[in-house]
C-alpha atoms as a PDB file:
ATOM      1  CA  MET A   1      40.643   2.765 -21.634  1.00  0.00           C
ATOM      2  CA  LYS A   2      41.100  -0.017 -24.220  1.00  0.00           C
ATOM      3  CA  PRO A   3      39.279   0.191 -27.570  1.00  0.00           C
ATOM      4  CA  LEU A   4      37.109  -2.874 -26.826  1.00  0.00           C
ATOM      5  CA  VAL A   5      36.067  -1.408 -23.491  1.00  0.00           C
ATOM      6  CA  LEU A   6      35.211   1.921 -25.141  1.00  0.00           C
ATOM      7  CA  LEU A   7      33.157   0.099 -27.755  1.00  0.00           C
ATOM      8  CA  ALA A   8      31.285  -1.844 -25.090  1.00  0.00           C
ATOM      9  CA  PHE A   9      30.573   1.372 -23.137  1.00  0.00           C
ATOM     10  CA  ALA A  10      29.259   3.131 -26.248  1.00  0.00           C
ATOM     11  CA  PHE A  11      27.022   0.145 -26.991  1.00  0.00           C
ATOM     12  CA  LEU A  12      25.568   0.258 -23.492  1.00  0.00           C
ATOM     13  CA  LEU A  13      24.781   3.967 -23.853  1.00  0.00           C
ATOM     14  CA  PHE A  14      23.038   3.268 -27.149  1.00  0.00           C
ATOM     15  CA  VAL A  15      20.976   0.400 -25.748  1.00  0.00           C
ATOM     16  CA  HIS A  16      20.319   2.134 -22.420  1.00  0.00           C
ATOM     17  CA  PRO A  17      20.023   5.896 -23.103  1.00  0.00           C
ATOM     18  CA  VAL A  18      20.613   8.343 -20.301  1.00  0.00           C
ATOM     19  CA  ALA A  19      17.465   8.749 -18.192  1.00  0.00           C
ATOM     20  CA  ALA A  20      15.349  11.839 -18.574  1.00  0.00           C
ATOM     21  CA  GLY A  21      15.882  14.713 -16.199  1.00  0.00           C
ATOM     22  CA  PRO A  22      13.969  15.680 -13.066  1.00  0.00           C
ATOM     23  CA  ILE A  23      10.211  15.942 -12.691  1.00  0.00           C
ATOM     24  CA  ILE A  24       8.775  19.444 -12.340  1.00  0.00           C
ATOM     25  CA  THR A  25       5.356  20.069 -10.826  1.00  0.00           C
ATOM     26  CA  GLY A  26       3.475  23.274 -10.151  1.00  0.00           C
ATOM     27  CA  GLN A  27       0.922  25.832 -11.254  1.00  0.00           C
ATOM     28  CA  ALA A  28       1.356  26.714 -14.906  1.00  0.00           C
ATOM     29  CA  ASP A  29       0.690  29.953 -16.768  1.00  0.00           C
ATOM     30  CA  ILE A  30       0.397  29.917 -20.555  1.00  0.00           C
ATOM     31  CA  VAL A  31       3.115  31.774 -22.452  1.00  0.00           C
ATOM     32  CA  ASP A  32       2.063  30.522 -25.891  1.00  0.00           C
ATOM     33  CA  GLY A  33       0.815  27.318 -27.497  1.00  0.00           C
ATOM     34  CA  ASP A  34       3.935  25.308 -26.704  1.00  0.00           C
ATOM     35  CA  THR A  35       5.483  27.124 -23.737  1.00  0.00           C
ATOM     36  CA  LEU A  36       4.586  27.269 -20.040  1.00  0.00           C
ATOM     37  CA  SER A  37       5.753  29.320 -17.103  1.00  0.00           C
ATOM     38  CA  ILE A  38       5.760  27.386 -13.812  1.00  0.00           C
ATOM     39  CA  ARG A  39       5.152  29.596 -10.803  1.00  0.00           C
ATOM     40  CA  GLY A  40       8.180  29.771  -8.521  1.00  0.00           C
ATOM     41  CA  ARG A  41      10.606  28.704 -11.269  1.00  0.00           C
ATOM     42  CA  SER A  42      12.666  31.010 -13.428  1.00  0.00           C
ATOM     43  CA  ALA A  43      13.120  28.659 -16.404  1.00  0.00           C
ATOM     44  CA  ARG A  44      10.161  28.329 -18.731  1.00  0.00           C
ATOM     45  CA  VAL A  45       9.012  24.930 -20.017  1.00  0.00           C
ATOM     46  CA  ARG A  46       8.994  24.246 -23.769  1.00  0.00           C
ATOM     47  CA  LEU A  47       6.776  21.288 -24.675  1.00  0.00           C
ATOM     48  CA  TYR A  48       8.890  18.525 -26.187  1.00  0.00           C
ATOM     49  CA  GLY A  49       8.462  17.435 -29.793  1.00  0.00           C
ATOM     50  CA  ILE A  50       5.745  19.886 -30.866  1.00  0.00           C
ATOM     51  CA  ASP A  51       5.547  23.326 -32.449  1.00  0.00           C
ATOM     52  CA  THR A  52       2.602  25.724 -32.572  1.00  0.00           C
ATOM     53  CA  PRO A  53       1.927  28.937 -34.517  1.00  0.00           C
ATOM     54  CA  GLU A  54       3.558  32.081 -33.181  1.00  0.00           C
ATOM     55  CA  GLY A  55       1.497  34.536 -31.142  1.00  0.00           C
ATOM     56  CA  GLN A  56       1.053  37.013 -33.995  1.00  0.00           C
ATOM     57  CA  GLN A  57       0.682  34.365 -36.701  1.00  0.00           C
ATOM     58  CA  THR A  58      -2.578  34.161 -38.622  1.00  0.00           C
ATOM     59  CA  CYS A  59      -4.056  31.250 -40.548  1.00  0.00           C
ATOM     60  CA  ASP A  60      -7.103  30.717 -42.771  1.00  0.00           C
ATOM     61  CA  ASP A  61     -10.036  28.702 -41.420  1.00  0.00           C
ATOM     62  CA  ALA A  62     -12.269  26.347 -43.414  1.00  0.00           C
ATOM     63  CA  ALA A  63     -14.169  29.343 -44.814  1.00  0.00           C
ATOM     64  CA  SER A  64     -10.892  31.067 -45.839  1.00  0.00           C
ATOM     65  CA  LYS A  65     -11.374  33.624 -43.074  1.00  0.00           C
ATOM     66  CA  ARG A  66      -8.216  34.822 -41.371  1.00  0.00           C
ATOM     67  CA  TYR A  67      -7.813  34.231 -37.623  1.00  0.00           C
ATOM     68  CA  LEU A  68      -5.084  34.422 -34.981  1.00  0.00           C
ATOM     69  CA  CYS A  69      -4.073  30.777 -34.950  1.00  0.00           C
ATOM     70  CA  GLY A  70      -1.211  31.417 -32.523  1.00  0.00           C
ATOM     71  CA  ALA A  71      -3.659  32.799 -29.974  1.00  0.00           C
ATOM     72  CA  ARG A  72      -6.063  29.938 -30.659  1.00  0.00           C
ATOM     73  CA  ALA A  73      -3.323  27.386 -29.990  1.00  0.00           C
ATOM     74  CA  ALA A  74      -2.546  29.088 -26.670  1.00  0.00           C
ATOM     75  CA  GLU A  75      -6.222  28.929 -25.739  1.00  0.00           C
ATOM     76  CA  ALA A  76      -6.307  25.215 -26.598  1.00  0.00           C
ATOM     77  CA  LEU A  77      -3.358  24.627 -24.261  1.00  0.00           C
ATOM     78  CA  ALA A  78      -5.102  26.599 -21.509  1.00  0.00           C
ATOM     79  CA  ASP A  79      -8.220  24.465 -21.970  1.00  0.00           C
ATOM     80  CA  LEU A  80      -6.188  21.276 -21.624  1.00  0.00           C
ATOM     81  CA  ILE A  81      -4.578  22.436 -18.393  1.00  0.00           C
ATOM     82  CA  GLY A  82      -7.884  23.727 -17.056  1.00  0.00           C
ATOM     83  CA  ARG A  83      -8.721  25.922 -14.094  1.00  0.00           C
ATOM     84  CA  ASN A  84      -6.645  23.803 -11.722  1.00  0.00           C
ATOM     85  CA  GLY A  85      -3.562  24.882 -13.660  1.00  0.00           C
ATOM     86  CA  ARG A  86      -1.367  22.145 -12.217  1.00  0.00           C
ATOM     87  CA  VAL A  87       1.064  20.271 -14.445  1.00  0.00           C
ATOM     88  CA  THR A  88       3.679  17.560 -14.016  1.00  0.00           C
ATOM     89  CA  CYS A  89       6.562  17.746 -16.477  1.00  0.00           C
ATOM     90  CA  GLN A  90       9.372  15.276 -17.155  1.00  0.00           C
ATOM     91  CA  GLU A  91      12.457  17.136 -18.325  1.00  0.00           C
ATOM     92  CA  GLN A  92      13.977  15.778 -21.539  1.00  0.00           C
ATOM     93  CA  ASP A  93      16.554  18.431 -22.372  1.00  0.00           C
ATOM     94  CA  ARG A  94      17.403  22.148 -22.277  1.00  0.00           C
ATOM     95  CA  ASP A  95      17.199  24.304 -25.380  1.00  0.00           C
ATOM     96  CA  ARG A  96      19.515  27.098 -26.492  1.00  0.00           C
ATOM     97  CA  TYR A  97      17.368  29.664 -24.659  1.00  0.00           C
ATOM     98  CA  GLY A  98      17.770  27.848 -21.336  1.00  0.00           C
ATOM     99  CA  ARG A  99      14.207  26.572 -21.327  1.00  0.00           C
ATOM    100  CA  VAL A 100      13.353  23.154 -19.918  1.00  0.00           C
ATOM    101  CA  VAL A 101      12.192  20.890 -22.755  1.00  0.00           C
ATOM    102  CA  ALA A 102       9.653  18.508 -21.248  1.00  0.00           C
ATOM    103  CA  VAL A 103       6.761  16.128 -21.697  1.00  0.00           C
ATOM    104  CA  CYS A 104       3.927  17.404 -19.503  1.00  0.00           C
ATOM    105  CA  GLN A 105       0.803  15.888 -18.003  1.00  0.00           C
ATOM    106  CA  ALA A 106      -2.344  17.670 -16.837  1.00  0.00           C
ATOM    107  CA  ASN A 107      -5.648  16.189 -15.712  1.00  0.00           C
ATOM    108  CA  GLY A 108      -4.423  12.679 -16.531  1.00  0.00           C
ATOM    109  CA  ARG A 109      -3.469  13.477 -20.134  1.00  0.00           C
ATOM    110  CA  GLU A 110      -0.189  14.152 -21.895  1.00  0.00           C
ATOM    111  CA  ILE A 111      -0.704  17.672 -23.175  1.00  0.00           C
ATOM    112  CA  ASN A 112       2.046  17.478 -25.829  1.00  0.00           C
ATOM    113  CA  ALA A 113       0.207  14.626 -27.589  1.00  0.00           C
ATOM    114  CA  GLU A 114      -3.218  16.181 -27.046  1.00  0.00           C
ATOM    115  CA  MET A 115      -2.179  19.451 -28.684  1.00  0.00           C
ATOM    116  CA  VAL A 116      -1.141  17.513 -31.800  1.00  0.00           C
ATOM    117  CA  LEU A 117      -4.230  15.296 -31.716  1.00  0.00           C
ATOM    118  CA  GLN A 118      -6.513  18.342 -31.521  1.00  0.00           C
ATOM    119  CA  GLY A 119      -4.728  19.864 -34.504  1.00  0.00           C
ATOM    120  CA  TRP A 120      -3.334  22.961 -32.753  1.00  0.00           C
ATOM    121  CA  ALA A 121       0.277  21.742 -32.774  1.00  0.00           C
ATOM    122  CA  LEU A 122       2.482  19.999 -35.308  1.00  0.00           C
ATOM    123  CA  GLU A 123       5.055  17.371 -34.582  1.00  0.00           C
ATOM    124  CA  TYR A 124       8.397  19.218 -34.493  1.00  0.00           C
ATOM    125  CA  LYS A 125      10.191  16.604 -36.559  1.00  0.00           C
ATOM    126  CA  GLN A 126      13.551  18.336 -36.309  1.00  0.00           C
ATOM    127  CA  TYR A 127      13.587  17.796 -32.541  1.00  0.00           C
ATOM    128  CA  SER A 128      11.171  14.919 -31.882  1.00  0.00           C
ATOM    129  CA  ASP A 129      11.576  11.166 -32.005  1.00  0.00           C
ATOM    130  CA  GLY A 130       8.507  10.546 -34.153  1.00  0.00           C
ATOM    131  CA  ARG A 131       6.224   9.773 -31.227  1.00  0.00           C
ATOM    132  CA  TYR A 132       3.536  12.253 -32.389  1.00  0.00           C
ATOM    133  CA  ALA A 133       3.420  11.223 -36.052  1.00  0.00           C
ATOM    134  CA  LYS A 134       0.311   9.062 -35.598  1.00  0.00           C
ATOM    135  CA  ALA A 135      -1.535  11.806 -33.681  1.00  0.00           C
ATOM    136  CA  GLU A 136      -0.695  14.336 -36.401  1.00  0.00           C
ATOM    137  CA  ALA A 137      -1.896  12.000 -39.157  1.00  0.00           C
ATOM    138  CA  GLU A 138      -5.197  11.529 -37.302  1.00  0.00           C
ATOM    139  CA  ALA A 139      -5.684  15.283 -36.829  1.00  0.00           C
ATOM    140  CA  ARG A 140      -4.901  15.942 -40.493  1.00  0.00           C
ATOM    141  CA  THR A 141      -7.346  13.278 -41.710  1.00  0.00           C
ATOM    142  CA  ALA A 142     -10.092  14.572 -39.417  1.00  0.00           C
ATOM    143  CA  LYS A 143      -9.323  18.215 -40.380  1.00  0.00           C
ATOM    144  CA  ARG A 144      -9.039  19.305 -36.773  1.00  0.00           C
ATOM    145  CA  GLY A 145      -7.695  22.650 -35.646  1.00  0.00           C
ATOM    146  CA  LEU A 146      -5.166  24.083 -38.079  1.00  0.00           C
ATOM    147  CA  TRP A 147      -5.880  21.292 -40.553  1.00  0.00           C
ATOM    148  CA  ALA A 148      -9.417  22.607 -41.149  1.00  0.00           C
ATOM    149  CA  GLY A 149      -7.974  25.420 -43.263  1.00  0.00           C
ATOM    150  CA  GLN A 150      -4.649  26.728 -44.556  1.00  0.00           C
ATOM    151  CA  PHE A 151      -1.542  27.573 -42.567  1.00  0.00           C
ATOM    152  CA  VAL A 152       2.210  27.951 -42.786  1.00  0.00           C
ATOM    153  CA  GLU A 153       4.230  25.590 -40.624  1.00  0.00           C
ATOM    154  CA  PRO A 154       5.547  27.570 -37.631  1.00  0.00           C
ATOM    155  CA  TRP A 155       9.208  26.888 -38.458  1.00  0.00           C
ATOM    156  CA  ASP A 156       8.692  28.248 -41.986  1.00  0.00           C
ATOM    157  CA  TRP A 157       6.681  31.218 -40.702  1.00  0.00           C
ATOM    158  CA  ARG A 158       9.592  32.185 -38.444  1.00  0.00           C
ATOM    159  CA  ARG A 159      11.787  32.221 -41.567  1.00  0.00           C
ATOM    160  CA  GLY A 160       9.445  34.710 -43.231  1.00  0.00           C
ATOM    161  CA  LYS A 161       7.093  32.496 -45.252  1.00  0.00           C
ATOM    162  CA  ARG A 162       3.485  33.787 -45.283  1.00  0.00           C
ATOM    163  CA  LEU A 163       0.070  32.842 -46.576  1.00  0.00           C
ATOM    164  CA  SER A 164      -1.212  35.162 -49.290  1.00  0.00           C
ATOM    165  CA  SER A 165      -3.846  36.388 -46.810  1.00  0.00           C
ATOM    166  CA  GLU A 166      -1.083  37.457 -44.401  1.00  0.00           C
ATOM    167  CA  ALA A 167       0.674  39.568 -47.009  1.00  0.00           C
ATOM    168  CA  SER A 168      -1.774  42.443 -46.484  1.00  0.00           C
ATOM    169  CA  THR A 169      -0.959  45.306 -44.182  1.00  0.00           C
ATOM    170  CA  GLY A 170      -3.102  47.657 -42.151  1.00  0.00           C
ATOM    171  CA  SER A 171      -4.811  47.883 -38.785  1.00  0.00           C
ATOM    172  CA  ASP A 172      -6.445  44.468 -39.205  1.00  0.00           C
ATOM    173  CA  ARG A 173      -3.083  42.776 -38.818  1.00  0.00           C
ATOM    174  CA  LYS A 174      -2.812  42.226 -35.071  1.00  0.00           C
ATOM    175  CA  CYS A 175      -0.395  40.691 -32.613  1.00  0.00           C
ATOM    176  CA  ALA A 176      -1.812  38.392 -29.966  1.00  0.00           C
ATOM    177  CA  ILE A 177      -1.409  40.258 -26.644  1.00  0.00           C
ATOM    178  CA  LYS A 178      -4.342  42.490 -25.696  1.00  0.00           C
ATOM    179  CA  GLY A 179      -3.553  45.878 -24.138  1.00  0.00           C
ATOM    180  CA  ASN A 180      -6.668  46.916 -22.210  1.00  0.00           C
ATOM    181  CA  ILE A 181      -7.336  50.212 -20.392  1.00  0.00           C
ATOM    182  CA  SER A 182      -9.475  49.992 -17.262  1.00  0.00           C
ATOM    183  CA  GLY A 183      -9.854  53.348 -15.546  1.00  0.00           C
ATOM    184  CA  SER A 184      -6.303  54.571 -14.984  1.00  0.00           C
ATOM    185  CA  ASP A 185      -4.831  51.059 -15.306  1.00  0.00           C
ATOM    186  CA  LYS A 186      -3.226  49.786 -18.467  1.00  0.00           C
ATOM    187  CA  ILE A 187      -3.261  45.982 -18.319  1.00  0.00           C
ATOM    188  CA  TYR A 188      -2.097  43.461 -20.905  1.00  0.00           C
ATOM    189  CA  HIS A 189      -3.606  39.992 -21.244  1.00  0.00           C
ATOM    190  CA  LEU A 190      -1.750  37.000 -22.693  1.00  0.00           C
ATOM    191  CA  PRO A 191      -3.525  34.394 -24.836  1.00  0.00           C
ATOM    192  CA  GLY A 192      -5.029  31.727 -22.589  1.00  0.00           C
ATOM    193  CA  SER A 193      -5.101  33.952 -19.486  1.00  0.00           C
ATOM    194  CA  ARG A 194      -8.243  34.296 -17.378  1.00  0.00           C
ATOM    195  CA  SER A 195      -9.570  37.521 -18.910  1.00  0.00           C
ATOM    196  CA  TYR A 196      -8.190  37.133 -22.435  1.00  0.00           C
ATOM    197  CA  ALA A 197     -11.287  35.813 -24.202  1.00  0.00           C
ATOM    198  CA  LYS A 198     -13.676  38.411 -22.754  1.00  0.00           C
ATOM    199  CA  THR A 199     -11.339  41.388 -23.327  1.00  0.00           C
ATOM    200  CA  VAL A 200     -12.299  43.433 -26.394  1.00  0.00           C
ATOM    201  CA  ILE A 201      -9.787  45.960 -27.722  1.00  0.00           C
ATOM    202  CA  ASP A 202     -11.030  49.422 -28.696  1.00  0.00           C
ATOM    203  CA  GLU A 203      -8.178  51.111 -30.527  1.00  0.00           C
ATOM    204  CA  ALA A 204     -10.121  54.379 -30.748  1.00  0.00           C
ATOM    205  CA  SER A 205      -9.907  54.715 -26.951  1.00  0.00           C
ATOM    206  CA  GLY A 206      -6.170  54.073 -26.851  1.00  0.00           C
ATOM    207  CA  GLU A 207      -6.232  50.332 -26.325  1.00  0.00           C
ATOM    208  CA  ARG A 208      -3.877  48.333 -28.481  1.00  0.00           C
ATOM    209  CA  TRP A 209      -2.273  45.008 -29.392  1.00  0.00           C
ATOM    210  CA  PHE A 210       1.257  43.926 -28.517  1.00  0.00           C
ATOM    211  CA  CYS A 211       3.532  41.267 -29.990  1.00  0.00           C
ATOM    212  CA  SER A 212       5.519  40.622 -26.788  1.00  0.00           C
ATOM    213  CA  GLU A 213       5.366  41.244 -23.045  1.00  0.00           C
ATOM    214  CA  ASP A 214       8.481  43.405 -23.265  1.00  0.00           C
ATOM    215  CA  GLU A 215       6.771  45.627 -25.836  1.00  0.00           C
ATOM    216  CA  ALA A 216       3.699  45.972 -23.604  1.00  0.00           C
ATOM    217  CA  LYS A 217       5.762  46.833 -20.513  1.00  0.00           C
ATOM    218  CA  ALA A 218       7.844  49.372 -22.413  1.00  0.00           C
ATOM    219  CA  ALA A 219       4.617  51.108 -23.484  1.00  0.00           C
ATOM    220  CA  GLY A 220       3.423  51.361 -19.887  1.00  0.00           C
ATOM    221  CA  TRP A 221       1.126  48.357 -19.622  1.00  0.00           C
ATOM    222  CA  ARG A 222       1.371  45.830 -16.770  1.00  0.00           C
ATOM    223  CA  ALA A 223       0.369  42.226 -16.227  1.00  0.00           C
ATOM    224  CA  PRO A 224      -2.851  41.496 -14.277  1.00  0.00           C
ATOM    225  CA  ARG A 225      -2.453  41.162 -10.518  1.00  0.00           C
ATOM    226  CA  GLY A 226      -3.314  37.972  -8.716  1.00  0.00           C
END
């Protein structure tokens, strides 16, 4: 191919970027604040352009009280999707873990943007195109969600940075997955799941917290049925 033709082709690709990937629809289960599992599909969906606190991450609220902000972000995502649980996602890319990176809609709203606007997600500037910058600025000004108190950006938290309140150790430092014991059944509940909010963990009776599903399963706990 001649140089001028190559140049023209490259220009066309720049002006007319490759279209986004396929549309995915289905019932969604919450994995964490920025990740969904679509029933009937093996690949999980990572919400494009946003990042939320990790499941075991804690933040300080407006009163400087520590709370599980990763779990709270997952609950916010569950609230956006609602009881219907149905989402429509437009694939944008695939990440290094094989997850579908997508912009998702639920109940007539784009949930990526809503998570940022409510203050439970940050724009993931390293991987976004700047489309959520205005929503983040509004959430910050209004002190919504994470912005009401103090927090470490999720990407820095994954590198080991911590708030001074997180530096403490002891039994009060919890992961986000609840390991409940009901009769002879050991059941774990993910943040945002149906029974998560009403499940209270009593460590004295053998109940416990887990940082991952794999950890819970290895300890003998199972996911809820149905």
